[in-house]
Every structure is written in C-alpha cells, then in structure tokens.
C-alpha atoms as a PDB file:
ATOM      1  CA  UNK A   1     102.918  87.453  88.357  1.00  0.00           C
ATOM      2  CA  UNK A   2     102.353  90.010  91.089  1.00  0.00           C
ATOM      3  CA  UNK A   3     103.770  90.235  94.802  1.00  0.00           C
ATOM      4  CA  UNK A   4     100.497  89.418  96.123  1.00  0.00           C
ATOM      5  CA  UNK A   5     100.066  86.534  94.037  1.00  0.00           C
ATOM      6  CA  UNK A   6     103.629  85.173  95.181  1.00  0.00           C
ATOM      7  CA  UNK A   7     102.973  86.004  98.822  1.00  0.00           C
ATOM      8  CA  UNK A   8     100.018  83.762  99.041  1.00  0.00           C
ATOM      9  CA  UNK A   9     101.707  81.081  97.237  1.00  0.00           C
ATOM     10  CA  UNK A  10     104.432  80.961  99.742  1.00  0.00           C
ATOM     11  CA  UNK A  11     102.091  81.311 102.529  1.00  0.00           C
ATOM     12  CA  UNK A  12     100.445  78.090 101.042  1.00  0.00           C
ATOM     13  CA  UNK A  13     103.734  76.623 100.756  1.00  0.00           C
ATOM     14  CA  UNK A  14     104.826  77.111 104.196  1.00  0.00           C
ATOM     15  CA  UNK A  15     102.052  76.403 106.348  1.00  0.00           C
ATOM     16  CA  UNK A  16     100.446  73.509 103.911  1.00  0.00           C
ATOM     17  CA  UNK A  17      97.207  74.711 103.803  1.00  0.00           C
ATOM     18  CA  UNK A  18      95.394  77.580 101.949  1.00  0.00           C
ATOM     19  CA  UNK A  19      92.986  78.067 104.962  1.00  0.00           C
ATOM     20  CA  UNK A  20      95.962  78.722 107.062  1.00  0.00           C
ATOM     21  CA  UNK A  21      97.374  80.856 104.092  1.00  0.00           C
ATOM     22  CA  UNK A  22      94.371  82.848 104.163  1.00  0.00           C
ATOM     23  CA  UNK A  23      94.060  83.592 107.923  1.00  0.00           C
ATOM     24  CA  UNK A  24      97.575  84.322 108.294  1.00  0.00           C
ATOM     25  CA  UNK A  25      97.290  87.057 105.347  1.00  0.00           C
ATOM     26  CA  UNK A  26      93.927  88.332 106.784  1.00  0.00           C
ATOM     27  CA  UNK A  27      92.292  87.366 103.314  1.00  0.00           C
ATOM     28  CA  UNK A  28      89.652  85.035 102.064  1.00  0.00           C
ATOM     29  CA  UNK A  29      90.427  81.603 101.228  1.00  0.00           C
ATOM     30  CA  UNK A  30      88.637  82.203  98.028  1.00  0.00           C
ATOM     31  CA  UNK A  31      91.336  85.288  97.417  1.00  0.00           C
ATOM     32  CA  UNK A  32      94.014  83.161  98.066  1.00  0.00           C
ATOM     33  CA  UNK A  33      92.847  80.403  95.885  1.00  0.00           C
ATOM     34  CA  UNK A  34      92.371  83.155  92.919  1.00  0.00           C
ATOM     35  CA  UNK A  35      96.179  84.061  93.110  1.00  0.00           C
ATOM     36  CA  UNK A  36      96.922  80.362  93.120  1.00  0.00           C
ATOM     37  CA  UNK A  37      94.899  79.965  90.087  1.00  0.00           C
ATOM     38  CA  UNK A  38      96.396  82.943  88.101  1.00  0.00           C
ATOM     39  CA  UNK A  39      99.954  81.434  89.069  1.00  0.00           C
ATOM     40  CA  UNK A  40      98.912  78.040  87.524  1.00  0.00           C
ATOM     41  CA  UNK A  41      97.654  79.731  84.397  1.00  0.00           C
ATOM     42  CA  UNK A  42     100.509  82.257  84.123  1.00  0.00           C
ATOM     43  CA  UNK A  43     103.019  79.062  84.271  1.00  0.00           C
ATOM     44  CA  UNK A  44     100.991  76.535  83.000  1.00  0.00           C
ATOM     45  CA  UNK A  45     101.916  74.224  85.694  1.00  0.00           C
ATOM     46  CA  UNK A  46      99.896  72.595  88.164  1.00  0.00           C
ATOM     47  CA  UNK A  47     102.089  73.599  91.110  1.00  0.00           C
ATOM     48  CA  UNK A  48     100.977  71.454  93.624  1.00  0.00           C
ATOM     49  CA  UNK A  49      97.991  68.925  94.276  1.00  0.00           C
ATOM     50  CA  UNK A  50      96.147  67.801  97.069  1.00  0.00           C
ATOM     51  CA  UNK A  51      96.818  64.360  98.629  1.00  0.00           C
ATOM     52  CA  UNK A  52      95.827  62.451 101.648  1.00  0.00           C
ATOM     53  CA  UNK A  53      99.525  63.508 103.258  1.00  0.00           C
ATOM     54  CA  UNK A  54      98.949  67.059 102.465  1.00  0.00           C
ATOM     55  CA  UNK A  55     100.296  68.759  99.611  1.00  0.00           C
ATOM     56  CA  UNK A  56     102.312  67.647  97.197  1.00  0.00           C
ATOM     57  CA  UNK A  57     104.336  70.225  94.717  1.00  0.00           C
ATOM     58  CA  UNK A  58     105.278  69.715  91.128  1.00  0.00           C
ATOM     59  CA  UNK A  59     109.085  70.141  90.562  1.00  0.00           C
ATOM     60  CA  UNK A  60     107.980  73.524  88.942  1.00  0.00           C
ATOM     61  CA  UNK A  61     106.085  74.485  91.964  1.00  0.00           C
ATOM     62  CA  UNK A  62     109.363  73.753  94.286  1.00  0.00           C
ATOM     63  CA  UNK A  63     111.356  75.812  92.222  1.00  0.00           C
ATOM     64  CA  UNK A  64     108.580  78.474  92.093  1.00  0.00           C
ATOM     65  CA  UNK A  65     108.214  78.397  96.075  1.00  0.00           C
ATOM     66  CA  UNK A  66     112.236  78.457  96.061  1.00  0.00           C
ATOM     67  CA  UNK A  67     112.079  82.164  93.907  1.00  0.00           C
ATOM     68  CA  UNK A  68     109.128  83.066  95.326  1.00  0.00           C
ATOM     69  CA  UNK A  69     110.890  83.659  98.546  1.00  0.00           C
ATOM     70  CA  UNK A  70     114.029  84.892  97.410  1.00  0.00           C
ATOM     71  CA  UNK A  71     111.782  87.567  95.273  1.00  0.00           C
ATOM     72  CA  UNK A  72     109.993  88.709  98.142  1.00  0.00           C
ATOM     73  CA  UNK A  73     112.484  88.887 100.458  1.00  0.00           C
ATOM     74  CA  UNK A  74     114.461  91.258  97.742  1.00  0.00           C
ATOM     75  CA  UNK A  75     111.350  93.258  97.655  1.00  0.00           C
ATOM     76  CA  UNK A  76     111.079  94.061 101.040  1.00  0.00           C
ATOM     77  CA  UNK A  77     115.124  94.518 101.263  1.00  0.00           C
ATOM     78  CA  UNK A  78     114.438  97.423  98.360  1.00  0.00           C
ATOM     79  CA  UNK A  79     111.837  98.975 100.079  1.00  0.00           C
ATOM     80  CA  UNK A  80     113.780  99.336 103.383  1.00  0.00           C
ATOM     81  CA  UNK A  81     117.005 100.426 101.627  1.00  0.00           C
ATOM     82  CA  UNK A  82     115.001 103.210  99.729  1.00  0.00           C
ATOM     83  CA  UNK A  83     113.263 104.305 102.783  1.00  0.00           C
ATOM     84  CA  UNK A  84     116.665 104.371 104.263  1.00  0.00           C
ATOM     85  CA  UNK A  85     118.659 105.980 101.527  1.00  0.00           C
ATOM     86  CA  UNK A  86     115.790 108.881 101.642  1.00  0.00           C
ATOM     87  CA  UNK A  87     117.305 109.271 104.991  1.00  0.00           C
ATOM     88  CA  UNK A  88     120.965 109.298 103.813  1.00  0.00           C
ATOM     89  CA  UNK A  89     121.340 106.008 105.840  1.00  0.00           C
ATOM     90  CA  UNK A  90     122.340 102.577 105.335  1.00  0.00           C
ATOM     91  CA  UNK A  91     120.722  99.719 106.710  1.00  0.00           C
ATOM     92  CA  UNK A  92     122.630  96.207 107.669  1.00  0.00           C
ATOM     93  CA  UNK A  93     120.423  93.566 109.028  1.00  0.00           C
ATOM     94  CA  UNK A  94     121.949  91.232 111.311  1.00  0.00           C
ATOM     95  CA  UNK A  95     120.584  87.389 112.269  1.00  0.00           C
ATOM     96  CA  UNK A  96     121.810  86.054 115.426  1.00  0.00           C
ATOM     97  CA  UNK A  97     121.612  83.209 117.520  1.00  0.00           C
ATOM     98  CA  UNK A  98     120.062  83.987 120.836  1.00  0.00           C
ATOM     99  CA  UNK A  99     123.355  82.955 123.114  1.00  0.00           C
ATOM    100  CA  UNK A 100     125.258  85.200 120.712  1.00  0.00           C
ATOM    101  CA  UNK A 101     122.846  88.160 120.520  1.00  0.00           C
ATOM    102  CA  UNK A 102     122.299  88.231 124.446  1.00  0.00           C
ATOM    103  CA  UNK A 103     125.990  88.346 125.132  1.00  0.00           C
ATOM    104  CA  UNK A 104     128.307  89.421 122.488  1.00  0.00           C
ATOM    105  CA  UNK A 105     125.993  91.154 119.654  1.00  0.00           C
ATOM    106  CA  UNK A 106     125.617  94.423 121.787  1.00  0.00           C
ATOM    107  CA  UNK A 107     129.273  95.328 122.169  1.00  0.00           C
ATOM    108  CA  UNK A 108     130.272  93.955 118.557  1.00  0.00           C
ATOM    109  CA  UNK A 109     127.389  96.296 117.186  1.00  0.00           C
ATOM    110  CA  UNK A 110     127.961  99.452 118.909  1.00  0.00           C
ATOM    111  CA  UNK A 111     131.553  99.494 117.823  1.00  0.00           C
ATOM    112  CA  UNK A 112     131.039  98.213 114.272  1.00  0.00           C
ATOM    113  CA  UNK A 113     128.059 101.267 114.083  1.00  0.00           C
ATOM    114  CA  UNK A 114     130.489 103.885 115.395  1.00  0.00           C
ATOM    115  CA  UNK A 115     132.653 103.184 112.256  1.00  0.00           C
ATOM    116  CA  UNK A 116     130.111 104.552 109.934  1.00  0.00           C
ATOM    117  CA  UNK A 117     127.965 107.767 110.586  1.00  0.00           C
ATOM    118  CA  UNK A 118     125.182 106.835 107.669  1.00  0.00           C
ATOM    119  CA  UNK A 119     124.636 103.184 108.820  1.00  0.00           C
ATOM    120  CA  UNK A 120     121.750 101.817 111.083  1.00  0.00           C
ATOM    121  CA  UNK A 121     122.419  98.089 112.089  1.00  0.00           C
ATOM    122  CA  UNK A 122     119.198  96.053 112.991  1.00  0.00           C
ATOM    123  CA  UNK A 123     119.942  92.745 115.002  1.00  0.00           C
ATOM    124  CA  UNK A 124     117.214  90.032 115.098  1.00  0.00           C
ATOM    125  CA  UNK A 125     117.011  86.702 117.179  1.00  0.00           C
ATOM    126  CA  UNK A 126     116.636  83.798 114.920  1.00  0.00           C
ATOM    127  CA  UNK A 127     117.043  80.027 115.176  1.00  0.00           C
ATOM    128  CA  UNK A 128     120.586  78.906 113.356  1.00  0.00           C
ATOM    129  CA  UNK A 129     118.610  76.261 111.313  1.00  0.00           C
ATOM    130  CA  UNK A 130     116.971  79.290 109.249  1.00  0.00           C
ATOM    131  CA  UNK A 131     120.501  81.231 108.927  1.00  0.00           C
ATOM    132  CA  UNK A 132     120.855  79.455 105.063  1.00  0.00           C
ATOM    133  CA  UNK A 133     117.333  80.797 104.416  1.00  0.00           C
ATOM    134  CA  UNK A 134     117.283  84.141 105.640  1.00  0.00           C
ATOM    135  CA  UNK A 135     120.474  84.813 103.559  1.00  0.00           C
ATOM    136  CA  UNK A 136     119.096  83.049 100.313  1.00  0.00           C
ATOM    137  CA  UNK A 137     116.035  84.903 100.267  1.00  0.00           C
ATOM    138  CA  UNK A 138     117.608  88.848 101.546  1.00  0.00           C
ATOM    139  CA  UNK A 139     115.655  88.674 104.839  1.00  0.00           C
ATOM    140  CA  UNK A 140     119.173  89.129 106.372  1.00  0.00           C
ATOM    141  CA  UNK A 141     122.430  90.424 105.200  1.00  0.00           C
ATOM    142  CA  UNK A 142     124.483  88.607 107.709  1.00  0.00           C
ATOM    143  CA  UNK A 143     123.956  85.722 110.163  1.00  0.00           C
ATOM    144  CA  UNK A 144     126.389  85.272 113.549  1.00  0.00           C
ATOM    145  CA  UNK A 145     125.969  81.981 115.173  1.00  0.00           C
ATOM    146  CA  UNK A 146     127.181  78.384 115.405  1.00  0.00           C
ATOM    147  CA  UNK A 147     128.996  77.071 112.800  1.00  0.00           C
ATOM    148  CA  UNK A 148     126.753  75.118 110.141  1.00  0.00           C
ATOM    149  CA  UNK A 149     127.292  71.373 109.318  1.00  0.00           C
ATOM    150  CA  UNK A 150     126.806  72.201 106.074  1.00  0.00           C
ATOM    151  CA  UNK A 151     127.254  75.615 103.955  1.00  0.00           C
ATOM    152  CA  UNK A 152     125.958  76.399 100.794  1.00  0.00           C
ATOM    153  CA  UNK A 153     128.617  77.340  98.101  1.00  0.00           C
ATOM    154  CA  UNK A 154     126.829  80.810  97.385  1.00  0.00           C
ATOM    155  CA  UNK A 155     127.337  81.745 101.514  1.00  0.00           C
ATOM    156  CA  UNK A 156     130.651  82.400 102.738  1.00  0.00           C
ATOM    157  CA  UNK A 157     131.435  81.550 106.119  1.00  0.00           C
ATOM    158  CA  UNK A 158     134.088  82.364 108.557  1.00  0.00           C
ATOM    159  CA  UNK A 159     134.855  82.043 111.804  1.00  0.00           C
ATOM    160  CA  UNK A 160     134.387  84.935 114.465  1.00  0.00           C
ATOM    161  CA  UNK A 161     135.487  84.117 117.969  1.00  0.00           C
ATOM    162  CA  UNK A 162     136.300  81.161 120.160  1.00  0.00           C
ATOM    163  CA  UNK A 163     134.379  80.808 123.445  1.00  0.00           C
ATOM    164  CA  UNK A 164     134.011  78.081 126.377  1.00  0.00           C
ATOM    165  CA  UNK A 165     131.148  76.807 127.681  1.00  0.00           C
ATOM    166  CA  UNK A 166     130.800  76.050 131.380  1.00  0.00           C
ATOM    167  CA  UNK A 167     128.615  75.088 133.838  1.00  0.00           C
ATOM    168  CA  UNK A 168     127.492  77.551 136.409  1.00  0.00           C
ATOM    169  CA  UNK A 169     126.209  77.366 139.962  1.00  0.00           C
ATOM    170  CA  UNK A 170     125.326  78.768 143.292  1.00  0.00           C
ATOM    171  CA  UNK A 171     128.009  79.699 145.549  1.00  0.00           C
ATOM    172  CA  UNK A 172     126.781  76.918 148.208  1.00  0.00           C
ATOM    173  CA  UNK A 173     125.962  74.462 145.229  1.00  0.00           C
ATOM    174  CA  UNK A 174     127.382  70.869 146.451  1.00  0.00           C
ATOM    175  CA  UNK A 175     129.289  70.765 142.875  1.00  0.00           C
ATOM    176  CA  UNK A 176     130.652  74.148 143.100  1.00  0.00           C
ATOM    177  CA  UNK A 177     134.432  73.819 142.176  1.00  0.00           C
ATOM    178  CA  UNK A 178     134.258  70.073 142.181  1.00  0.00           C
ATOM    179  CA  UNK A 179     134.956  67.875 139.278  1.00  0.00           C
ATOM    180  CA  UNK A 180     131.533  66.306 138.492  1.00  0.00           C
ATOM    181  CA  UNK A 181     130.972  63.196 136.374  1.00  0.00           C
ATOM    182  CA  UNK A 182     128.341  62.794 133.801  1.00  0.00           C
ATOM    183  CA  UNK A 183     126.022  60.736 136.156  1.00  0.00           C
ATOM    184  CA  UNK A 184     126.047  63.779 138.676  1.00  0.00           C
ATOM    185  CA  UNK A 185     125.635  66.213 136.052  1.00  0.00           C
ATOM    186  CA  UNK A 186     122.701  64.448 134.351  1.00  0.00           C
ATOM    187  CA  UNK A 187     120.747  64.755 137.868  1.00  0.00           C
ATOM    188  CA  UNK A 188     120.645  68.318 138.336  1.00  0.00           C
ATOM    189  CA  UNK A 189     118.033  70.490 137.409  1.00  0.00           C
ATOM    190  CA  UNK A 190     119.428  72.440 134.438  1.00  0.00           C
ATOM    191  CA  UNK A 191     118.473  76.053 134.002  1.00  0.00           C
ATOM    192  CA  UNK A 192     118.901  77.094 130.455  1.00  0.00           C
ATOM    193  CA  UNK A 193     118.103  80.080 128.108  1.00  0.00           C
ATOM    194  CA  UNK A 194     116.160  80.020 124.885  1.00  0.00           C
ATOM    195  CA  UNK A 195     119.215  78.365 122.694  1.00  0.00           C
ATOM    196  CA  UNK A 196     118.578  75.099 124.534  1.00  0.00           C
ATOM    197  CA  UNK A 197     115.362  75.120 122.352  1.00  0.00           C
ATOM    198  CA  UNK A 198     117.276  74.803 119.072  1.00  0.00           C
ATOM    199  CA  UNK A 199     119.339  72.023 117.432  1.00  0.00           C
ATOM    200  CA  UNK A 200     122.427  73.724 116.846  1.00  0.00           C
ATOM    201  CA  UNK A 201     124.928  75.556 119.317  1.00  0.00           C
ATOM    202  CA  UNK A 202     127.398  74.183 122.035  1.00  0.00           C
ATOM    203  CA  UNK A 203     124.250  74.477 124.634  1.00  0.00           C
ATOM    204  CA  UNK A 204     122.052  71.638 122.868  1.00  0.00           C
ATOM    205  CA  UNK A 205     125.632  70.305 122.281  1.00  0.00           C
ATOM    206  CA  UNK A 206     126.609  69.705 125.804  1.00  0.00           C
ATOM    207  CA  UNK A 207     123.006  68.418 126.653  1.00  0.00           C
ATOM    208  CA  UNK A 208     123.151  65.777 124.012  1.00  0.00           C
ATOM    209  CA  UNK A 209     126.902  64.864 125.374  1.00  0.00           C
ATOM    210  CA  UNK A 210     125.475  64.437 128.655  1.00  0.00           C
ATOM    211  CA  UNK A 211     122.080  62.613 127.850  1.00  0.00           C
ATOM    212  CA  UNK A 212     120.343  65.314 130.025  1.00  0.00           C
ATOM    213  CA  UNK A 213     116.725  64.153 130.408  1.00  0.00           C
ATOM    214  CA  UNK A 214     113.959  66.356 129.218  1.00  0.00           C
ATOM    215  CA  UNK A 215     112.262  66.227 132.262  1.00  0.00           C
ATOM    216  CA  UNK A 216     115.227  67.743 134.114  1.00  0.00           C
ATOM    217  CA  UNK A 217     115.622  70.785 131.362  1.00  0.00           C
ATOM    218  CA  UNK A 218     114.112  74.033 132.330  1.00  0.00           C
ATOM    219  CA  UNK A 219     113.862  76.709 129.917  1.00  0.00           C
ATOM    220  CA  UNK A 220     113.932  80.645 130.651  1.00  0.00           C
ATOM    221  CA  UNK A 221     113.148  83.629 128.533  1.00  0.00           C
ATOM    222  CA  UNK A 222     116.734  84.495 128.484  1.00  0.00           C
ATOM    223  CA  UNK A 223     119.814  82.799 129.503  1.00  0.00           C
ATOM    224  CA  UNK A 224     120.633  85.977 131.849  1.00  0.00           C
ATOM    225  CA  UNK A 225     117.348  84.409 133.714  1.00  0.00           C
ATOM    226  CA  UNK A 226     118.593  80.955 133.675  1.00  0.00           C
ATOM    227  CA  UNK A 227     121.468  82.334 135.445  1.00  0.00           C
ATOM    228  CA  UNK A 228     119.820  84.510 137.993  1.00  0.00           C
ATOM    229  CA  UNK A 229     118.120  80.934 139.261  1.00  0.00           C
ATOM    230  CA  UNK A 230     121.719  79.465 139.261  1.00  0.00           C
ATOM    231  CA  UNK A 231     122.615  82.102 141.577  1.00  0.00           C
ATOM    232  CA  UNK A 232     119.800  81.194 144.052  1.00  0.00           C
ATOM    233  CA  UNK A 233     120.735  77.969 144.185  1.00  0.00           C
ATOM    234  CA  UNK A 234     118.003  76.190 141.951  1.00  0.00           C
ATOM    235  CA  UNK A 235     119.972  74.146 139.796  1.00  0.00           C
ATOM    236  CA  UNK A 236     123.160  74.169 136.975  1.00  0.00           C
ATOM    237  CA  UNK A 237     123.479  76.735 134.279  1.00  0.00           C
ATOM    238  CA  UNK A 238     125.270  76.688 130.932  1.00  0.00           C
ATOM    239  CA  UNK A 239     127.065  79.936 130.606  1.00  0.00           C
ATOM    240  CA  UNK A 240     130.048  81.750 128.811  1.00  0.00           C
ATOM    241  CA  UNK A 241     133.089  81.451 130.761  1.00  0.00           C
ATOM    242  CA  UNK A 242     133.625  85.390 130.260  1.00  0.00           C
ATOM    243  CA  UNK A 243     130.471  86.173 130.902  1.00  0.00           C
ATOM    244  CA  UNK A 244     130.240  85.140 134.332  1.00  0.00           C
ATOM    245  CA  UNK A 245     134.177  85.563 135.528  1.00  0.00           C
ATOM    246  CA  UNK A 246     132.849  88.717 137.354  1.00  0.00           C
ATOM    247  CA  UNK A 247     130.758  86.803 139.431  1.00  0.00           C
ATOM    248  CA  UNK A 248     132.669  83.999 139.724  1.00  0.00           C
ATOM    249  CA  UNK A 249     135.387  86.467 141.498  1.00  0.00           C
ATOM    250  CA  UNK A 250     133.078  87.964 143.391  1.00  0.00           C
ATOM    251  CA  UNK A 251     131.367  84.747 144.885  1.00  0.00           C
ATOM    252  CA  UNK A 252     128.068  85.584 143.232  1.00  0.00           C
ATOM    253  CA  UNK A 253     128.614  82.253 141.350  1.00  0.00           C
ATOM    254  CA  UNK A 254     130.601  78.861 141.637  1.00  0.00           C
ATOM    255  CA  UNK A 255     131.638  76.869 138.287  1.00  0.00           C
ATOM    256  CA  UNK A 256     131.465  73.110 137.997  1.00  0.00           C
ATOM    257  CA  UNK A 257     134.984  71.811 137.279  1.00  0.00           C
ATOM    258  CA  UNK A 258     136.282  69.134 135.107  1.00  0.00           C
ATOM    259  CA  UNK A 259     136.175  67.907 131.205  1.00  0.00           C
ATOM    260  CA  UNK A 260     132.642  66.928 131.253  1.00  0.00           C
ATOM    261  CA  UNK A 261     131.588  70.304 132.493  1.00  0.00           C
ATOM    262  CA  UNK A 262     133.351  72.468 129.891  1.00  0.00           C
ATOM    263  CA  UNK A 263     132.705  72.741 125.915  1.00  0.00           C
ATOM    264  CA  UNK A 264     134.978  74.853 123.425  1.00  0.00           C
ATOM    265  CA  UNK A 265     132.737  76.323 120.051  1.00  0.00           C
ATOM    266  CA  UNK A 266     133.303  78.763 117.592  1.00  0.00           C
ATOM    267  CA  UNK A 267     130.873  80.902 116.518  1.00  0.00           C
ATOM    268  CA  UNK A 268     130.815  81.929 112.571  1.00  0.00           C
ATOM    269  CA  UNK A 269     129.662  84.598 110.477  1.00  0.00           C
ATOM    270  CA  UNK A 270     127.965  83.891 107.247  1.00  0.00           C
ATOM    271  CA  UNK A 271     127.009  86.295 104.732  1.00  0.00           C
ATOM    272  CA  UNK A 272     126.457  85.842 100.631  1.00  0.00           C
ATOM    273  CA  UNK A 273     129.422  85.603  98.513  1.00  0.00           C
ATOM    274  CA  UNK A 274     128.921  88.308  96.490  1.00  0.00           C
ATOM    275  CA  UNK A 275     132.023  89.767  93.579  1.00  0.00           C
ATOM    276  CA  UNK A 276     132.801  93.240  93.587  1.00  0.00           C
ATOM    277  CA  UNK A 277     132.862  96.088  96.293  1.00  0.00           C
ATOM    278  CA  UNK A 278     132.798  94.950  99.782  1.00  0.00           C
ATOM    279  CA  UNK A 279     129.474  95.556 101.213  1.00  0.00           C
ATOM    280  CA  UNK A 280     128.774  96.304 105.261  1.00  0.00           C
ATOM    281  CA  UNK A 281     128.070  92.629 105.859  1.00  0.00           C
ATOM    282  CA  UNK A 282     131.222  91.774 104.548  1.00  0.00           C
ATOM    283  CA  UNK A 283     133.133  94.336 106.515  1.00  0.00           C
ATOM    284  CA  UNK A 284     131.445  93.088 109.556  1.00  0.00           C
ATOM    285  CA  UNK A 285     132.154  89.439 108.980  1.00  0.00           C
ATOM    286  CA  UNK A 286     135.742  90.381 108.573  1.00  0.00           C
ATOM    287  CA  UNK A 287     135.892  92.962 111.447  1.00  0.00           C
ATOM    288  CA  UNK A 288     134.077  90.896 114.152  1.00  0.00           C
ATOM    289  CA  UNK A 289     137.303  88.350 114.228  1.00  0.00           C
ATOM    290  CA  UNK A 290     139.731  91.247 114.867  1.00  0.00           C
ATOM    291  CA  UNK A 291     141.213  91.793 118.460  1.00  0.00           C
ATOM    292  CA  UNK A 292     138.995  95.082 118.967  1.00  0.00           C
ATOM    293  CA  UNK A 293     135.805  93.270 117.886  1.00  0.00           C
ATOM    294  CA  UNK A 294     136.540  90.258 120.513  1.00  0.00           C
ATOM    295  CA  UNK A 295     137.493  92.676 123.493  1.00  0.00           C
ATOM    296  CA  UNK A 296     134.182  94.622 122.653  1.00  0.00           C
ATOM    297  CA  UNK A 297     131.827  91.325 122.626  1.00  0.00           C
ATOM    298  CA  UNK A 298     133.586  89.898 125.717  1.00  0.00           C
ATOM    299  CA  UNK A 299     132.813  93.371 127.230  1.00  0.00           C
ATOM    300  CA  UNK A 300     129.185  93.952 126.120  1.00  0.00           C
ATOM    301  CA  UNK A 301     126.729  93.861 128.612  1.00  0.00           C
ATOM    302  CA  UNK A 302     123.970  92.084 126.641  1.00  0.00           C
ATOM    303  CA  UNK A 303     120.624  92.333 126.798  1.00  0.00           C
ATOM    304  CA  UNK A 304     118.464  92.933 129.664  1.00  0.00           C
ATOM    305  CA  UNK A 305     115.882  90.316 130.562  1.00  0.00           C
ATOM    306  CA  UNK A 306     112.927  92.330 130.383  1.00  0.00           C
ATOM    307  CA  UNK A 307     114.043  93.311 126.318  1.00  0.00           C
ATOM    308  CA  UNK A 308     115.185  90.078 125.407  1.00  0.00           C
ATOM    309  CA  UNK A 309     113.045  88.356 123.329  1.00  0.00           C
ATOM    310  CA  UNK A 310     113.710  84.547 121.976  1.00  0.00           C
ATOM    311  CA  UNK A 311     111.862  84.311 118.590  1.00  0.00           C
ATOM    312  CA  UNK A 312     112.216  87.466 116.300  1.00  0.00           C
ATOM    313  CA  UNK A 313     113.386  90.461 118.660  1.00  0.00           C
ATOM    314  CA  UNK A 314     114.445  93.186 117.042  1.00  0.00           C
ATOM    315  CA  UNK A 315     117.081  95.828 118.356  1.00  0.00           C
ATOM    316  CA  UNK A 316     118.256  98.892 116.145  1.00  0.00           C
ATOM    317  CA  UNK A 317     121.670 100.613 116.458  1.00  0.00           C
ATOM    318  CA  UNK A 318     122.233 104.198 114.664  1.00  0.00           C
END
C-alpha cells in the first residue's frame, strides 16, 4: 500500500468516478485503475462496484476511504512539520469560517503568534461543514467558526467569543434607525458575504428565520464588499455589531433596529482531543476566549477585499 495508491483511491471516493479522479490527479485512467486493482489485491476486498446510480462501496471500501484520508493527512502534515523543523519553526494550521476569518482571525492570530518566536500560523478559509473532516484527517490543527450541531467524541469544542449580528444599511435608507417587520426585511435586497453560501452560522440562520427569498440575495466576494454596497444604499447587509460600530458613529452606516434585525451567536474552537502535553492548537483554543484575545479580535482590521478569497485563501503569520 503506497501513498500514490491511496491518493488515487481517495480521489475516486470523493469524485465518484475513475475518469474524474484521473483528470484531477493528471494521470491516465488506466493508472488510476491499476492503483485500485493493487489495493483490491492487497486487501482481498472488491472495495467498490459500479452501479446504475454510481459507485457502491463495500464496508471495507468505506473503512479504507476514511483511513486513507487520515493517513494522507498525516503524511502531508509530517512533511510540513519536518520542513518547518529544519528551519527551527513550528506550524499551526487554522481553519476558519469566512466571517471569523475576515473580521476576527487577523487580530487573534497576530497577538497569538507574538507569544512564540518559533511559531508560524497558517489561516485558511473553509466551509464549517468540513471542520470535522479537516481535523480528523489532520489537514487542520484547529477550526474556529459556528458551533457544530454534533461533535465527535474525538474532538474537543469550546466557546470562543459571543457576537451580535445586526443589519446594516446606508444612512439614507428608509429603514435606517427604525424597527422593521419580517415582511419589510424580506422585501429588501440582501447584500451578503461568502458566509451566506454555507448552511452553518449566524448569517444563514438569519436568512432562514426571515425566509428571505433567493432572488433577494446577492453574494459578494467578501463581507466588506457587501457592506460597501450597503453604504451606497443598494440594500441591507448582515454585519457584526462590533465591526460596523465606528461607521455607525461616523454616520457612514445606519442600522435596522428591532428584535427581527438582530441575532446572537457564538464562535467555537474545535481541536482533536489528545492526551499529554498541550499542543499549539489547544493553547490557541484556550487563549482565544481570554479578554486580551477578544479585544484583539474586535480591534482587528480584517482581511482586505482584494486579498480575501471565500474558498481556501491561506494567510501566513510568522
């Protein structure tokens, strides 16, 4: 069993097609089929079969898929750690939801990275629905974002920071400073950042609570870009109360009032629960809920629109 064989198998499992796996890996279909055949021979298991509905996996095939992803994650992590160790440094990989990454992560990570001269911190923006998989396969050391509905027993989860989501509008908007009904809010054009494209978090929850129609939703490259459109009176934009407070004080933004226009939420940090000495991920998880860390998150400037990417944008702190 080799890493090349496992990568081919994981690609087939994820994409559901030998042809697509070959295209992604930039090899021939026959090469992928050969790797699968070698794994079948080694394990004495068919692993999967083609059906009219797609690929049907055997129990052993499903178990191999889970273990292969974990082994490949460990291999990648080991390569990164060995490379960093040669330079006398440690690497901490942080996966974060788009809202946290844009507004809170920069302040937190800059403060945390200053505590250890040998620590590099890598931040990537990920869908919160993938957090458990990223941690279990060791593709990330810590994940910060919305509270998961279910937490695996192998993962530790702790609250990081309470925040309030409000609805921002331009200062001349008809709803600025007024209490709006759900019906009034549903009629608005909603200017949204990347967090609205996922199922988890305060922004999707607010949209579901108000039953905002899809045709009323416009998603932008970043939350900052959406707020920029709101300033110009183009619609309403969900925003973190602490992030827009200066603009509201200066009269550059208004805020819709009332219970329907706000939502309380909590960011949570997730790390693998490992016994023994505290890892850098566990240290960041604990540190992130301290008063100093919360102040740093609230003061953070956020990621600029030109550098933010809602898929998997990576930023490195040293």
